[in-house]
PDB file of all heavy atoms in Angstrom:
ATOM      1  N   SER A   1    -154.243  32.858  33.572  1.00  0.00           N
ATOM      2  CA  SER A   1    -154.109  34.145  34.233  1.00  0.00           C
ATOM      3  C   SER A   1    -153.122  34.070  35.392  1.00  0.00           C
ATOM      4  O   SER A   1    -152.247  34.934  35.545  1.00  0.00           O
ATOM      5  CB  SER A   1    -155.484  34.608  34.730  1.00  0.00           C
ATOM      6  OG  SER A   1    -155.402  35.872  35.321  1.00  0.00           O
ATOM      7  N   ASP A   2    -153.239  33.032  36.204  1.00  0.00           N
ATOM      8  CA  ASP A   2    -152.330  32.856  37.339  1.00  0.00           C
ATOM      9  C   ASP A   2    -150.893  32.626  36.886  1.00  0.00           C
ATOM     10  O   ASP A   2    -149.955  33.151  37.503  1.00  0.00           O
ATOM     11  CB  ASP A   2    -152.786  31.694  38.222  1.00  0.00           C
ATOM     12  CG  ASP A   2    -154.051  31.993  39.000  1.00  0.00           C
ATOM     13  OD1 ASP A   2    -154.436  33.184  39.118  1.00  0.00           O
ATOM     14  OD2 ASP A   2    -154.667  31.030  39.504  1.00  0.00           O
ATOM     15  N   ASP A   3    -150.707  31.849  35.826  1.00  0.00           N
ATOM     16  CA  ASP A   3    -149.358  31.598  35.312  1.00  0.00           C
ATOM     17  C   ASP A   3    -148.705  32.884  34.805  1.00  0.00           C
ATOM     18  O   ASP A   3    -147.533  33.148  35.081  1.00  0.00           O
ATOM     19  CB  ASP A   3    -149.372  30.554  34.196  1.00  0.00           C
ATOM     20  CG  ASP A   3    -149.578  29.140  34.695  1.00  0.00           C
ATOM     21  OD1 ASP A   3    -149.511  28.906  35.920  1.00  0.00           O
ATOM     22  OD2 ASP A   3    -149.796  28.243  33.847  1.00  0.00           O
ATOM     23  N   ILE A   4    -149.461  33.677  34.076  1.00  0.00           N
ATOM     24  CA  ILE A   4    -148.933  34.955  33.579  1.00  0.00           C
ATOM     25  C   ILE A   4    -148.601  35.866  34.760  1.00  0.00           C
ATOM     26  O   ILE A   4    -147.544  36.509  34.784  1.00  0.00           O
ATOM     27  CB  ILE A   4    -149.927  35.624  32.616  1.00  0.00           C
ATOM     28  CG1 ILE A   4    -150.067  34.797  31.342  1.00  0.00           C
ATOM     29  CG2 ILE A   4    -149.472  37.053  32.285  1.00  0.00           C
ATOM     30  CD1 ILE A   4    -151.209  35.239  30.437  1.00  0.00           C
ATOM     31  N   ALA A   5    -149.486  35.920  35.727  1.00  0.00           N
ATOM     32  CA  ALA A   5    -149.251  36.752  36.918  1.00  0.00           C
ATOM     33  C   ALA A   5    -147.985  36.307  37.645  1.00  0.00           C
ATOM     34  O   ALA A   5    -147.196  37.149  38.103  1.00  0.00           O
ATOM     35  CB  ALA A   5    -150.456  36.694  37.844  1.00  0.00           C
ATOM     36  N   GLU A   6    -147.795  35.020  37.752  1.00  0.00           N
ATOM     37  CA  GLU A   6    -146.609  34.494  38.441  1.00  0.00           C
ATOM     38  C   GLU A   6    -145.320  34.901  37.717  1.00  0.00           C
ATOM     39  O   GLU A   6    -144.352  35.328  38.346  1.00  0.00           O
ATOM     40  CB  GLU A   6    -146.697  32.978  38.546  1.00  0.00           C
ATOM     41  CG  GLU A   6    -145.565  32.353  39.328  1.00  0.00           C
ATOM     42  CD  GLU A   6    -145.699  30.844  39.468  1.00  0.00           C
ATOM     43  OE1 GLU A   6    -146.827  30.320  39.344  1.00  0.00           O
ATOM     44  OE2 GLU A   6    -144.671  30.195  39.693  1.00  0.00           O
ATOM     45  N   VAL A   7    -145.326  34.773  36.391  1.00  0.00           N
ATOM     46  CA  VAL A   7    -144.145  35.140  35.612  1.00  0.00           C
ATOM     47  C   VAL A   7    -143.866  36.640  35.753  1.00  0.00           C
ATOM     48  O   VAL A   7    -142.726  37.052  35.997  1.00  0.00           O
ATOM     49  CB  VAL A   7    -144.315  34.751  34.125  1.00  0.00           C
ATOM     50  CG1 VAL A   7    -143.218  35.360  33.270  1.00  0.00           C
ATOM     51  CG2 VAL A   7    -144.341  33.239  33.976  1.00  0.00           C
ATOM     52  N   LEU A   8    -144.897  37.453  35.593  1.00  0.00           N
ATOM     53  CA  LEU A   8    -144.695  38.897  35.690  1.00  0.00           C
ATOM     54  C   LEU A   8    -144.270  39.322  37.093  1.00  0.00           C
ATOM     55  O   LEU A   8    -143.423  40.203  37.250  1.00  0.00           O
ATOM     56  CB  LEU A   8    -145.972  39.639  35.279  1.00  0.00           C
ATOM     57  CG  LEU A   8    -146.335  39.582  33.800  1.00  0.00           C
ATOM     58  CD1 LEU A   8    -147.669  40.265  33.558  1.00  0.00           C
ATOM     59  CD2 LEU A   8    -145.245  40.213  32.952  1.00  0.00           C
ATOM     60  N   SER A   9    -144.850  38.709  38.104  1.00  0.00           N
ATOM     61  CA  SER A   9    -144.530  39.068  39.486  1.00  0.00           C
ATOM     62  C   SER A   9    -143.101  38.689  39.875  1.00  0.00           C
ATOM     63  O   SER A   9    -142.558  39.236  40.834  1.00  0.00           O
ATOM     64  CB  SER A   9    -145.518  38.408  40.449  1.00  0.00           C
ATOM     65  OG  SER A   9    -146.807  38.922  40.229  1.00  0.00           O
ATOM     66  N   SER A  10    -142.499  37.784  39.136  1.00  0.00           N
ATOM     67  CA  SER A  10    -141.119  37.391  39.435  1.00  0.00           C
ATOM     68  C   SER A  10    -140.117  38.454  38.966  1.00  0.00           C
ATOM     69  O   SER A  10    -138.943  38.389  39.299  1.00  0.00           O
ATOM     70  CB  SER A  10    -140.791  36.041  38.809  1.00  0.00           C
ATOM     71  OG  SER A  10    -140.719  36.151  37.401  1.00  0.00           O
ATOM     72  N   ASP A  11    -140.579  39.422  38.185  1.00  0.00           N
ATOM     73  CA  ASP A  11    -139.740  40.502  37.695  1.00  0.00           C
ATOM     74  C   ASP A  11    -140.130  41.785  38.433  1.00  0.00           C
ATOM     75  O   ASP A  11    -141.294  42.182  38.418  1.00  0.00           O
ATOM     76  CB  ASP A  11    -139.953  40.671  36.191  1.00  0.00           C
ATOM     77  CG  ASP A  11    -138.996  41.646  35.543  1.00  0.00           C
ATOM     78  OD1 ASP A  11    -138.583  42.624  36.206  1.00  0.00           O
ATOM     79  OD2 ASP A  11    -138.657  41.439  34.372  1.00  0.00           O
ATOM     80  N   THR A  12    -139.180  42.431  39.057  1.00  0.00           N
ATOM     81  CA  THR A  12    -139.481  43.626  39.851  1.00  0.00           C
ATOM     82  C   THR A  12    -139.956  44.806  39.005  1.00  0.00           C
ATOM     83  O   THR A  12    -140.449  45.788  39.547  1.00  0.00           O
ATOM     84  CB  THR A  12    -138.254  44.057  40.674  1.00  0.00           C
ATOM     85  OG1 THR A  12    -137.158  44.305  39.778  1.00  0.00           O
ATOM     86  CG2 THR A  12    -137.864  42.980  41.670  1.00  0.00           C
ATOM     87  N   LEU A  13    -139.845  44.707  37.691  1.00  0.00           N
ATOM     88  CA  LEU A  13    -140.313  45.769  36.805  1.00  0.00           C
ATOM     89  C   LEU A  13    -141.843  45.827  36.744  1.00  0.00           C
ATOM     90  O   LEU A  13    -142.422  46.872  36.461  1.00  0.00           O
ATOM     91  CB  LEU A  13    -139.741  45.567  35.399  1.00  0.00           C
ATOM     92  CG  LEU A  13    -140.074  46.593  34.328  1.00  0.00           C
ATOM     93  CD1 LEU A  13    -139.550  47.971  34.718  1.00  0.00           C
ATOM     94  CD2 LEU A  13    -139.488  46.174  32.996  1.00  0.00           C
ATOM     95  N   PHE A  14    -142.501  44.688  37.029  1.00  0.00           N
ATOM     96  CA  PHE A  14    -143.952  44.597  36.888  1.00  0.00           C
ATOM     97  C   PHE A  14    -144.653  44.409  38.231  1.00  0.00           C
ATOM     98  O   PHE A  14    -144.133  43.752  39.127  1.00  0.00           O
ATOM     99  CB  PHE A  14    -144.337  43.424  35.980  1.00  0.00           C
ATOM    100  CG  PHE A  14    -143.798  43.551  34.587  1.00  0.00           C
ATOM    101  CD1 PHE A  14    -142.678  42.844  34.200  1.00  0.00           C
ATOM    102  CD2 PHE A  14    -144.407  44.382  33.668  1.00  0.00           C
ATOM    103  CE1 PHE A  14    -142.168  42.955  32.918  1.00  0.00           C
ATOM    104  CE2 PHE A  14    -143.911  44.505  32.383  1.00  0.00           C
ATOM    105  CZ  PHE A  14    -142.785  43.794  32.013  1.00  0.00           C
ATOM    106  N   SER A  15    -145.858  44.951  38.301  1.00  0.00           N
ATOM    107  CA  SER A  15    -146.735  44.734  39.454  1.00  0.00           C
ATOM    108  C   SER A  15    -148.117  44.377  38.909  1.00  0.00           C
ATOM    109  O   SER A  15    -148.746  45.197  38.220  1.00  0.00           O
ATOM    110  CB  SER A  15    -146.819  46.004  40.295  1.00  0.00           C
ATOM    111  OG  SER A  15    -147.803  45.874  41.289  1.00  0.00           O
ATOM    112  N   VAL A  16    -148.579  43.172  39.176  1.00  0.00           N
ATOM    113  CA  VAL A  16    -149.912  42.768  38.731  1.00  0.00           C
ATOM    114  C   VAL A  16    -150.918  43.367  39.724  1.00  0.00           C
ATOM    115  O   VAL A  16    -150.961  42.975  40.880  1.00  0.00           O
ATOM    116  CB  VAL A  16    -150.038  41.234  38.649  1.00  0.00           C
ATOM    117  CG1 VAL A  16    -151.461  40.843  38.258  1.00  0.00           C
ATOM    118  CG2 VAL A  16    -149.035  40.669  37.654  1.00  0.00           C
ATOM    119  N   VAL A  17    -151.693  44.337  39.249  1.00  0.00           N
ATOM    120  CA  VAL A  17    -152.620  45.047  40.127  1.00  0.00           C
ATOM    121  C   VAL A  17    -154.006  44.431  40.152  1.00  0.00           C
ATOM    122  O   VAL A  17    -154.783  44.685  41.076  1.00  0.00           O
ATOM    123  CB  VAL A  17    -152.712  46.551  39.767  1.00  0.00           C
ATOM    124  CG1 VAL A  17    -151.379  47.239  40.021  1.00  0.00           C
ATOM    125  CG2 VAL A  17    -153.167  46.757  38.332  1.00  0.00           C
ATOM    126  N   ALA A  18    -154.340  43.607  39.130  1.00  0.00           N
ATOM    127  CA  ALA A  18    -155.666  42.985  39.107  1.00  0.00           C
ATOM    128  C   ALA A  18    -155.704  41.871  38.062  1.00  0.00           C
ATOM    129  O   ALA A  18    -154.929  41.866  37.109  1.00  0.00           O
ATOM    130  CB  ALA A  18    -156.741  44.017  38.786  1.00  0.00           C
ATOM    131  N   GLN A  19    -156.630  40.937  38.286  1.00  0.00           N
ATOM    132  CA  GLN A  19    -156.900  39.864  37.337  1.00  0.00           C
ATOM    133  C   GLN A  19    -158.410  39.797  37.140  1.00  0.00           C
ATOM    134  O   GLN A  19    -159.169  39.768  38.103  1.00  0.00           O
ATOM    135  CB  GLN A  19    -156.388  38.532  37.868  1.00  0.00           C
ATOM    136  CG  GLN A  19    -154.872  38.433  37.908  1.00  0.00           C
ATOM    137  CD  GLN A  19    -154.400  37.119  38.495  1.00  0.00           C
ATOM    138  OE1 GLN A  19    -153.951  37.097  39.636  1.00  0.00           O
ATOM    139  NE2 GLN A  19    -154.516  36.048  37.732  1.00  0.00           N
ATOM    140  N   ALA A  20    -158.828  39.785  35.876  1.00  0.00           N
ATOM    141  CA  ALA A  20    -160.247  39.743  35.530  1.00  0.00           C
ATOM    142  C   ALA A  20    -160.546  38.471  34.751  1.00  0.00           C
ATOM    143  O   ALA A  20    -159.707  37.972  34.020  1.00  0.00           O
ATOM    144  CB  ALA A  20    -160.612  40.961  34.683  1.00  0.00           C
ATOM    145  N   SER A  21    -161.771  37.967  34.913  1.00  0.00           N
ATOM    146  CA  SER A  21    -162.156  36.748  34.202  1.00  0.00           C
ATOM    147  C   SER A  21    -163.218  37.009  33.128  1.00  0.00           C
ATOM    148  O   SER A  21    -163.716  36.081  32.513  1.00  0.00           O
ATOM    149  CB  SER A  21    -162.666  35.703  35.191  1.00  0.00           C
ATOM    150  OG  SER A  21    -163.788  36.199  35.884  1.00  0.00           O
ATOM    151  N   SER A  22    -163.549  38.286  32.915  1.00  0.00           N
ATOM    152  CA  SER A  22    -164.518  38.647  31.876  1.00  0.00           C
ATOM    153  C   SER A  22    -164.209  40.053  31.382  1.00  0.00           C
ATOM    154  O   SER A  22    -163.488  40.817  32.043  1.00  0.00           O
ATOM    155  CB  SER A  22    -165.947  38.607  32.426  1.00  0.00           C
ATOM    156  OG  SER A  22    -166.155  39.670  33.335  1.00  0.00           O
ATOM    157  N   GLY A  23    -164.760  40.383  30.240  1.00  0.00           N
ATOM    158  CA  GLY A  23    -164.596  41.729  29.712  1.00  0.00           C
ATOM    159  C   GLY A  23    -165.208  42.768  30.643  1.00  0.00           C
ATOM    160  O   GLY A  23    -164.629  43.829  30.870  1.00  0.00           O
ATOM    161  N   PHE A  24    -166.365  42.460  31.181  1.00  0.00           N
ATOM    162  CA  PHE A  24    -167.033  43.366  32.117  1.00  0.00           C
ATOM    163  C   PHE A  24    -166.147  43.649  33.318  1.00  0.00           C
ATOM    164  O   PHE A  24    -165.945  44.797  33.712  1.00  0.00           O
ATOM    165  CB  PHE A  24    -168.379  42.757  32.562  1.00  0.00           C
ATOM    166  CG  PHE A  24    -169.084  43.582  33.598  1.00  0.00           C
ATOM    167  CD1 PHE A  24    -169.799  44.713  33.239  1.00  0.00           C
ATOM    168  CD2 PHE A  24    -169.033  43.224  34.941  1.00  0.00           C
ATOM    169  CE1 PHE A  24    -170.447  45.482  34.201  1.00  0.00           C
ATOM    170  CE2 PHE A  24    -169.673  43.982  35.904  1.00  0.00           C
ATOM    171  CZ  PHE A  24    -170.377  45.117  35.536  1.00  0.00           C
ATOM    172  N   ASP A  25    -165.582  42.581  33.915  1.00  0.00           N
ATOM    173  CA  ASP A  25    -164.698  42.747  35.070  1.00  0.00           C
ATOM    174  C   ASP A  25    -163.426  43.505  34.697  1.00  0.00           C
ATOM    175  O   ASP A  25    -162.915  44.296  35.489  1.00  0.00           O
ATOM    176  CB  ASP A  25    -164.318  41.394  35.668  1.00  0.00           C
ATOM    177  CG  ASP A  25    -165.465  40.742  36.424  1.00  0.00           C
ATOM    178  OD1 ASP A  25    -166.444  41.436  36.778  1.00  0.00           O
ATOM    179  OD2 ASP A  25    -165.391  39.513  36.645  1.00  0.00           O
ATOM    180  N   ALA A  26    -162.916  43.279  33.503  1.00  0.00           N
ATOM    181  CA  ALA A  26    -161.705  43.970  33.060  1.00  0.00           C
ATOM    182  C   ALA A  26    -161.915  45.481  33.020  1.00  0.00           C
ATOM    183  O   ALA A  26    -161.063  46.245  33.476  1.00  0.00           O
ATOM    184  CB  ALA A  26    -161.269  43.453  31.690  1.00  0.00           C
ATOM    185  N   VAL A  27    -163.048  45.903  32.488  1.00  0.00           N
ATOM    186  CA  VAL A  27    -163.351  47.334  32.430  1.00  0.00           C
ATOM    187  C   VAL A  27    -163.477  47.903  33.844  1.00  0.00           C
ATOM    188  O   VAL A  27    -162.897  48.953  34.158  1.00  0.00           O
ATOM    189  CB  VAL A  27    -164.638  47.592  31.610  1.00  0.00           C
ATOM    190  CG1 VAL A  27    -165.086  49.038  31.727  1.00  0.00           C
ATOM    191  CG2 VAL A  27    -164.426  47.206  30.156  1.00  0.00           C
ATOM    192  N   LYS A  28    -164.210  47.209  34.695  1.00  0.00           N
ATOM    193  CA  LYS A  28    -164.406  47.667  36.074  1.00  0.00           C
ATOM    194  C   LYS A  28    -163.065  47.766  36.813  1.00  0.00           C
ATOM    195  O   LYS A  28    -162.784  48.771  37.476  1.00  0.00           O
ATOM    196  CB  LYS A  28    -165.355  46.707  36.787  1.00  0.00           C
ATOM    197  CG  LYS A  28    -165.736  47.112  38.190  1.00  0.00           C
ATOM    198  CD  LYS A  28    -166.841  46.238  38.760  1.00  0.00           C
ATOM    199  CE  LYS A  28    -166.312  44.839  39.000  1.00  0.00           C
ATOM    200  NZ  LYS A  28    -167.251  43.990  39.739  1.00  0.00           N
ATOM    201  N   LEU A  29    -162.230  46.742  36.676  1.00  0.00           N
ATOM    202  CA  LEU A  29    -160.945  46.731  37.372  1.00  0.00           C
ATOM    203  C   LEU A  29    -159.954  47.727  36.773  1.00  0.00           C
ATOM    204  O   LEU A  29    -159.124  48.288  37.493  1.00  0.00           O
ATOM    205  CB  LEU A  29    -160.361  45.320  37.378  1.00  0.00           C
ATOM    206  CG  LEU A  29    -161.103  44.321  38.261  1.00  0.00           C
ATOM    207  CD1 LEU A  29    -160.626  42.897  37.994  1.00  0.00           C
ATOM    208  CD2 LEU A  29    -160.922  44.674  39.728  1.00  0.00           C
TER     209      LEU A  29
END
């Protein structure tokens, strides 16, 4: 998750707004 966030954050086109570690957290976030 952190590696993907780092790659995406290096491109100004993307903004990582949240990271979830479970399906439940993903829905909530």
